[in-house]
């Protein structure tokens, strides 16, 4: 617990390198998600790394940090998934999802058969939303979630009481890892 207070103090002073070095043993001892859950800390520690790679700059970077988190965790194929909305999917996406003020699309997964963009999953710097065929759009504000509310297992992404099949093998854990960090960043914005 003393080490956690040391890390927070170093972050407040802007000494990110020392903070990352001091937080490293916490990650090794408890794991990234466990550190957040056990200490209810605002540190952004990736659940997929065994060392810290400048997580504190991510918090301070705002939208740029959110983009970095998504790009770090979620791969794209430029055929069905992107880190921006391609022009070919804009009209279809507008049928079920619209950004709000200050919101930026960080990831789009189009799982429609013909690539129309009329269904899929969207991650923004503030929300997660998805639309399955013949169902209503589900939208969840990231600042209303706890990191423990998001779980990914192969194709199935669980967000609170909602479950969605992302239709790609192994993609749900990658999305869950990004969302876990985005949730913490959303709390800082």
C-alpha atoms as a PDB file:
ATOM      1  CA  UNK A   1       0.000   0.000   0.000  1.00  0.00           C
ATOM      2  CA  UNK A   2       2.888   2.372   0.749  1.00  0.00           C
ATOM      3  CA  UNK A   3       4.254   1.747  -2.750  1.00  0.00           C
ATOM      4  CA  UNK A   4       0.920   2.822  -4.259  1.00  0.00           C
ATOM      5  CA  UNK A   5       1.024   6.154  -2.423  1.00  0.00           C
ATOM      6  CA  UNK A   6       4.609   6.644  -3.590  1.00  0.00           C
ATOM      7  CA  UNK A   7       3.537   6.072  -7.188  1.00  0.00           C
ATOM      8  CA  UNK A   8       0.632   8.523  -6.898  1.00  0.00           C
ATOM      9  CA  UNK A   9       2.949  11.170  -5.425  1.00  0.00           C
ATOM     10  CA  UNK A  10       5.449  10.744  -8.249  1.00  0.00           C
ATOM     11  CA  UNK A  11       2.667  11.075 -10.827  1.00  0.00           C
ATOM     12  CA  UNK A  12       1.396  14.282  -9.211  1.00  0.00           C
ATOM     13  CA  UNK A  13       4.930  15.712  -9.416  1.00  0.00           C
ATOM     14  CA  UNK A  14       5.169  14.708 -13.083  1.00  0.00           C
ATOM     15  CA  UNK A  15       7.999  12.212 -12.553  1.00  0.00           C
ATOM     16  CA  UNK A  16       6.524   9.549 -14.848  1.00  0.00           C
ATOM     17  CA  UNK A  17       9.703   7.495 -15.274  1.00  0.00           C
ATOM     18  CA  UNK A  18      10.133   6.998 -11.502  1.00  0.00           C
ATOM     19  CA  UNK A  19       6.413   6.333 -11.107  1.00  0.00           C
ATOM     20  CA  UNK A  20       6.521   3.604 -13.766  1.00  0.00           C
ATOM     21  CA  UNK A  21       9.561   2.006 -12.126  1.00  0.00           C
ATOM     22  CA  UNK A  22       7.941   2.103  -8.668  1.00  0.00           C
ATOM     23  CA  UNK A  23       4.658   0.642  -9.948  1.00  0.00           C
ATOM     24  CA  UNK A  24       6.393  -2.252 -11.728  1.00  0.00           C
ATOM     25  CA  UNK A  25       6.593  -4.482  -8.618  1.00  0.00           C
ATOM     26  CA  UNK A  26       2.862  -3.900  -7.983  1.00  0.00           C
ATOM     27  CA  UNK A  27       2.051  -5.252 -11.427  1.00  0.00           C
ATOM     28  CA  UNK A  28       4.340  -8.240 -10.951  1.00  0.00           C
ATOM     29  CA  UNK A  29       2.917  -9.013  -7.519  1.00  0.00           C
ATOM     30  CA  UNK A  30      -0.787  -8.517  -8.221  1.00  0.00           C
ATOM     31  CA  UNK A  31      -1.179  -8.156 -12.003  1.00  0.00           C
ATOM     32  CA  UNK A  32      -2.545  -5.027 -13.732  1.00  0.00           C
ATOM     33  CA  UNK A  33      -6.292  -5.624 -13.224  1.00  0.00           C
ATOM     34  CA  UNK A  34      -5.727  -6.888  -9.695  1.00  0.00           C
ATOM     35  CA  UNK A  35      -3.869  -3.697  -8.767  1.00  0.00           C
ATOM     36  CA  UNK A  36      -6.818  -1.641  -9.954  1.00  0.00           C
ATOM     37  CA  UNK A  37      -9.396  -3.829  -8.212  1.00  0.00           C
ATOM     38  CA  UNK A  38      -7.511  -4.300  -4.960  1.00  0.00           C
ATOM     39  CA  UNK A  39      -6.426  -0.714  -4.458  1.00  0.00           C
ATOM     40  CA  UNK A  40      -9.131   1.067  -6.509  1.00  0.00           C
ATOM     41  CA  UNK A  41      -6.343   3.039  -8.071  1.00  0.00           C
ATOM     42  CA  UNK A  42      -6.524   5.392 -11.031  1.00  0.00           C
ATOM     43  CA  UNK A  43      -3.325   3.982 -12.485  1.00  0.00           C
ATOM     44  CA  UNK A  44      -3.652   2.698 -16.020  1.00  0.00           C
ATOM     45  CA  UNK A  45      -1.868  -0.642 -16.026  1.00  0.00           C
ATOM     46  CA  UNK A  46      -2.299  -2.844 -19.045  1.00  0.00           C
ATOM     47  CA  UNK A  47      -3.619  -6.319 -18.186  1.00  0.00           C
ATOM     48  CA  UNK A  48      -1.494  -7.797 -20.967  1.00  0.00           C
ATOM     49  CA  UNK A  49       1.953  -6.591 -19.949  1.00  0.00           C
ATOM     50  CA  UNK A  50       4.373  -7.606 -17.231  1.00  0.00           C
ATOM     51  CA  UNK A  51       5.956  -4.183 -17.067  1.00  0.00           C
ATOM     52  CA  UNK A  52       4.678  -0.639 -17.345  1.00  0.00           C
ATOM     53  CA  UNK A  53       5.151   1.303 -20.562  1.00  0.00           C
ATOM     54  CA  UNK A  54       4.356   4.945 -19.699  1.00  0.00           C
ATOM     55  CA  UNK A  55       0.719   4.489 -18.657  1.00  0.00           C
ATOM     56  CA  UNK A  56       0.600   7.860 -16.909  1.00  0.00           C
ATOM     57  CA  UNK A  57       1.218   9.762 -20.154  1.00  0.00           C
ATOM     58  CA  UNK A  58      -1.820   8.001 -21.576  1.00  0.00           C
ATOM     59  CA  UNK A  59      -4.050   9.478 -18.878  1.00  0.00           C
ATOM     60  CA  UNK A  60      -2.704  12.964 -19.453  1.00  0.00           C
ATOM     61  CA  UNK A  61      -2.985  12.706 -23.234  1.00  0.00           C
ATOM     62  CA  UNK A  62      -6.813  12.634 -23.261  1.00  0.00           C
ATOM     63  CA  UNK A  63      -8.170  11.689 -26.685  1.00  0.00           C
ATOM     64  CA  UNK A  64      -4.698  10.980 -28.039  1.00  0.00           C
ATOM     65  CA  UNK A  65      -4.168   8.563 -25.151  1.00  0.00           C
ATOM     66  CA  UNK A  66      -7.486   6.851 -25.868  1.00  0.00           C
ATOM     67  CA  UNK A  67      -6.452   6.347 -29.497  1.00  0.00           C
ATOM     68  CA  UNK A  68      -3.128   4.935 -28.355  1.00  0.00           C
ATOM     69  CA  UNK A  69      -4.852   2.450 -26.039  1.00  0.00           C
ATOM     70  CA  UNK A  70      -7.194   1.183 -28.747  1.00  0.00           C
ATOM     71  CA  UNK A  71      -4.428   0.893 -31.331  1.00  0.00           C
ATOM     72  CA  UNK A  72      -2.215  -0.939 -28.837  1.00  0.00           C
ATOM     73  CA  UNK A  73      -4.815  -3.584 -27.997  1.00  0.00           C
ATOM     74  CA  UNK A  74      -7.136  -4.002 -30.979  1.00  0.00           C
ATOM     75  CA  UNK A  75      -5.830  -4.980 -34.409  1.00  0.00           C
ATOM     76  CA  UNK A  76      -7.596  -3.914 -37.610  1.00  0.00           C
ATOM     77  CA  UNK A  77      -7.786  -5.511 -41.045  1.00  0.00           C
ATOM     78  CA  UNK A  78      -9.060  -2.532 -43.112  1.00  0.00           C
ATOM     79  CA  UNK A  79     -11.717  -4.818 -44.557  1.00  0.00           C
ATOM     80  CA  UNK A  80     -14.107  -5.212 -41.623  1.00  0.00           C
ATOM     81  CA  UNK A  81     -12.431  -3.210 -38.850  1.00  0.00           C
ATOM     82  CA  UNK A  82     -10.791   0.214 -38.630  1.00  0.00           C
ATOM     83  CA  UNK A  83      -9.388   2.751 -36.178  1.00  0.00           C
ATOM     84  CA  UNK A  84     -11.470   5.399 -37.963  1.00  0.00           C
ATOM     85  CA  UNK A  85     -14.739   5.367 -39.895  1.00  0.00           C
ATOM     86  CA  UNK A  86     -14.092   4.834 -43.610  1.00  0.00           C
ATOM     87  CA  UNK A  87     -16.233   6.811 -46.053  1.00  0.00           C
ATOM     88  CA  UNK A  88     -17.792   3.587 -47.360  1.00  0.00           C
ATOM     89  CA  UNK A  89     -19.335   2.861 -43.937  1.00  0.00           C
ATOM     90  CA  UNK A  90     -20.421   6.371 -42.880  1.00  0.00           C
ATOM     91  CA  UNK A  91     -24.010   6.217 -44.183  1.00  0.00           C
ATOM     92  CA  UNK A  92     -24.649   2.737 -42.768  1.00  0.00           C
ATOM     93  CA  UNK A  93     -23.202   3.672 -39.390  1.00  0.00           C
ATOM     94  CA  UNK A  94     -25.455   6.743 -39.164  1.00  0.00           C
ATOM     95  CA  UNK A  95     -28.522   4.469 -39.230  1.00  0.00           C
ATOM     96  CA  UNK A  96     -27.725   3.191 -35.732  1.00  0.00           C
ATOM     97  CA  UNK A  97     -24.968   5.327 -34.211  1.00  0.00           C
ATOM     98  CA  UNK A  98     -24.182   9.042 -33.986  1.00  0.00           C
ATOM     99  CA  UNK A  99     -21.367  10.684 -32.076  1.00  0.00           C
ATOM    100  CA  UNK A 100     -22.122  13.279 -29.444  1.00  0.00           C
ATOM    101  CA  UNK A 101     -20.224  16.509 -28.751  1.00  0.00           C
ATOM    102  CA  UNK A 102     -16.539  15.893 -28.098  1.00  0.00           C
ATOM    103  CA  UNK A 103     -16.845  12.229 -28.992  1.00  0.00           C
ATOM    104  CA  UNK A 104     -14.532  10.549 -31.488  1.00  0.00           C
ATOM    105  CA  UNK A 105     -14.751   7.058 -33.011  1.00  0.00           C
ATOM    106  CA  UNK A 106     -11.650   5.079 -32.048  1.00  0.00           C
ATOM    107  CA  UNK A 107     -12.646   1.681 -33.464  1.00  0.00           C
ATOM    108  CA  UNK A 108     -15.301   0.327 -35.800  1.00  0.00           C
ATOM    109  CA  UNK A 109     -16.034  -3.336 -36.424  1.00  0.00           C
ATOM    110  CA  UNK A 110     -18.523  -3.956 -39.244  1.00  0.00           C
ATOM    111  CA  UNK A 111     -19.976  -7.429 -38.950  1.00  0.00           C
ATOM    112  CA  UNK A 112     -22.673  -7.063 -41.596  1.00  0.00           C
ATOM    113  CA  UNK A 113     -22.684  -9.640 -44.376  1.00  0.00           C
ATOM    114  CA  UNK A 114     -22.349  -7.132 -47.227  1.00  0.00           C
ATOM    115  CA  UNK A 115     -20.208  -4.541 -45.403  1.00  0.00           C
ATOM    116  CA  UNK A 116     -22.913  -1.894 -45.221  1.00  0.00           C
ATOM    117  CA  UNK A 117     -21.952  -0.597 -41.773  1.00  0.00           C
ATOM    118  CA  UNK A 118     -25.559  -1.012 -40.594  1.00  0.00           C
ATOM    119  CA  UNK A 119     -24.440  -3.283 -37.777  1.00  0.00           C
ATOM    120  CA  UNK A 120     -21.314  -3.803 -35.750  1.00  0.00           C
ATOM    121  CA  UNK A 121     -19.431  -2.454 -32.779  1.00  0.00           C
ATOM    122  CA  UNK A 122     -18.119   1.067 -32.136  1.00  0.00           C
ATOM    123  CA  UNK A 123     -15.728   2.284 -29.454  1.00  0.00           C
ATOM    124  CA  UNK A 124     -15.396   6.008 -28.870  1.00  0.00           C
ATOM    125  CA  UNK A 125     -13.488   7.963 -26.263  1.00  0.00           C
ATOM    126  CA  UNK A 126     -16.722   7.991 -24.211  1.00  0.00           C
ATOM    127  CA  UNK A 127     -18.920   5.045 -25.209  1.00  0.00           C
ATOM    128  CA  UNK A 128     -19.145   1.487 -26.429  1.00  0.00           C
ATOM    129  CA  UNK A 129     -22.047   0.694 -28.743  1.00  0.00           C
ATOM    130  CA  UNK A 130     -23.105  -2.233 -30.879  1.00  0.00           C
ATOM    131  CA  UNK A 131     -25.944  -3.203 -33.157  1.00  0.00           C
ATOM    132  CA  UNK A 132     -26.836  -6.752 -34.050  1.00  0.00           C
ATOM    133  CA  UNK A 133     -29.199  -7.613 -36.890  1.00  0.00           C
ATOM    134  CA  UNK A 134     -32.889  -7.224 -35.960  1.00  0.00           C
ATOM    135  CA  UNK A 135     -31.984  -5.869 -32.511  1.00  0.00           C
ATOM    136  CA  UNK A 136     -31.859  -2.399 -30.988  1.00  0.00           C
ATOM    137  CA  UNK A 137     -28.586  -0.563 -30.552  1.00  0.00           C
ATOM    138  CA  UNK A 138     -26.900  -1.088 -27.183  1.00  0.00           C
ATOM    139  CA  UNK A 139     -24.874   1.884 -25.939  1.00  0.00           C
ATOM    140  CA  UNK A 140     -22.884   2.037 -22.706  1.00  0.00           C
ATOM    141  CA  UNK A 141     -21.065   5.075 -21.318  1.00  0.00           C
ATOM    142  CA  UNK A 142     -17.525   4.156 -20.314  1.00  0.00           C
ATOM    143  CA  UNK A 143     -17.636   6.361 -17.210  1.00  0.00           C
ATOM    144  CA  UNK A 144     -20.586   4.312 -15.927  1.00  0.00           C
ATOM    145  CA  UNK A 145     -18.500   1.118 -15.915  1.00  0.00           C
ATOM    146  CA  UNK A 146     -15.971  -0.363 -13.532  1.00  0.00           C
ATOM    147  CA  UNK A 147     -12.966  -2.163 -15.029  1.00  0.00           C
ATOM    148  CA  UNK A 148     -14.350  -5.413 -13.588  1.00  0.00           C
ATOM    149  CA  UNK A 149     -17.581  -4.971 -15.616  1.00  0.00           C
ATOM    150  CA  UNK A 150     -15.829  -5.908 -18.871  1.00  0.00           C
ATOM    151  CA  UNK A 151     -14.768  -9.462 -19.719  1.00  0.00           C
ATOM    152  CA  UNK A 152     -13.736 -10.939 -23.048  1.00  0.00           C
ATOM    153  CA  UNK A 153     -13.601 -14.641 -23.814  1.00  0.00           C
ATOM    154  CA  UNK A 154     -12.665 -15.606 -27.386  1.00  0.00           C
ATOM    155  CA  UNK A 155     -15.668 -14.217 -29.354  1.00  0.00           C
ATOM    156  CA  UNK A 156     -17.908 -13.220 -26.447  1.00  0.00           C
ATOM    157  CA  UNK A 157     -17.664  -9.756 -24.903  1.00  0.00           C
ATOM    158  CA  UNK A 158     -19.505  -9.246 -21.604  1.00  0.00           C
ATOM    159  CA  UNK A 159     -20.232  -5.662 -20.521  1.00  0.00           C
ATOM    160  CA  UNK A 160     -22.142  -5.547 -17.235  1.00  0.00           C
ATOM    161  CA  UNK A 161     -25.264  -7.620 -17.959  1.00  0.00           C
ATOM    162  CA  UNK A 162     -24.969  -7.434 -21.759  1.00  0.00           C
ATOM    163  CA  UNK A 163     -23.274 -10.073 -23.901  1.00  0.00           C
ATOM    164  CA  UNK A 164     -22.272  -9.616 -27.528  1.00  0.00           C
ATOM    165  CA  UNK A 165     -20.651 -12.014 -29.973  1.00  0.00           C
ATOM    166  CA  UNK A 166     -17.974  -9.989 -31.798  1.00  0.00           C
ATOM    167  CA  UNK A 167     -17.845 -12.689 -34.479  1.00  0.00           C
ATOM    168  CA  UNK A 168     -14.035 -12.877 -34.610  1.00  0.00           C
ATOM    169  CA  UNK A 169     -11.981 -15.552 -32.869  1.00  0.00           C
ATOM    170  CA  UNK A 170      -9.830 -14.090 -30.069  1.00  0.00           C
ATOM    171  CA  UNK A 171     -11.023 -10.500 -30.563  1.00  0.00           C
ATOM    172  CA  UNK A 172     -13.168 -10.151 -27.418  1.00  0.00           C
ATOM    173  CA  UNK A 173     -10.207 -10.313 -24.963  1.00  0.00           C
ATOM    174  CA  UNK A 174      -8.390  -7.639 -26.980  1.00  0.00           C
ATOM    175  CA  UNK A 175     -11.441  -5.376 -26.921  1.00  0.00           C
ATOM    176  CA  UNK A 176     -11.902  -6.035 -23.184  1.00  0.00           C
ATOM    177  CA  UNK A 177      -8.273  -5.074 -22.484  1.00  0.00           C
ATOM    178  CA  UNK A 178      -8.688  -1.791 -24.360  1.00  0.00           C
ATOM    179  CA  UNK A 179     -12.031  -1.046 -22.685  1.00  0.00           C
ATOM    180  CA  UNK A 180     -10.574  -1.699 -19.239  1.00  0.00           C
ATOM    181  CA  UNK A 181      -7.997   1.020 -19.792  1.00  0.00           C
ATOM    182  CA  UNK A 182     -10.452   3.364 -21.546  1.00  0.00           C
ATOM    183  CA  UNK A 183     -12.820   3.130 -18.583  1.00  0.00           C
ATOM    184  CA  UNK A 184     -10.091   4.462 -16.321  1.00  0.00           C
ATOM    185  CA  UNK A 185      -9.165   7.201 -18.789  1.00  0.00           C
ATOM    186  CA  UNK A 186     -12.854   8.211 -19.140  1.00  0.00           C
ATOM    187  CA  UNK A 187     -13.003   8.761 -15.401  1.00  0.00           C
ATOM    188  CA  UNK A 188     -10.136  11.248 -15.669  1.00  0.00           C
ATOM    189  CA  UNK A 189     -11.733  13.302 -18.479  1.00  0.00           C
END
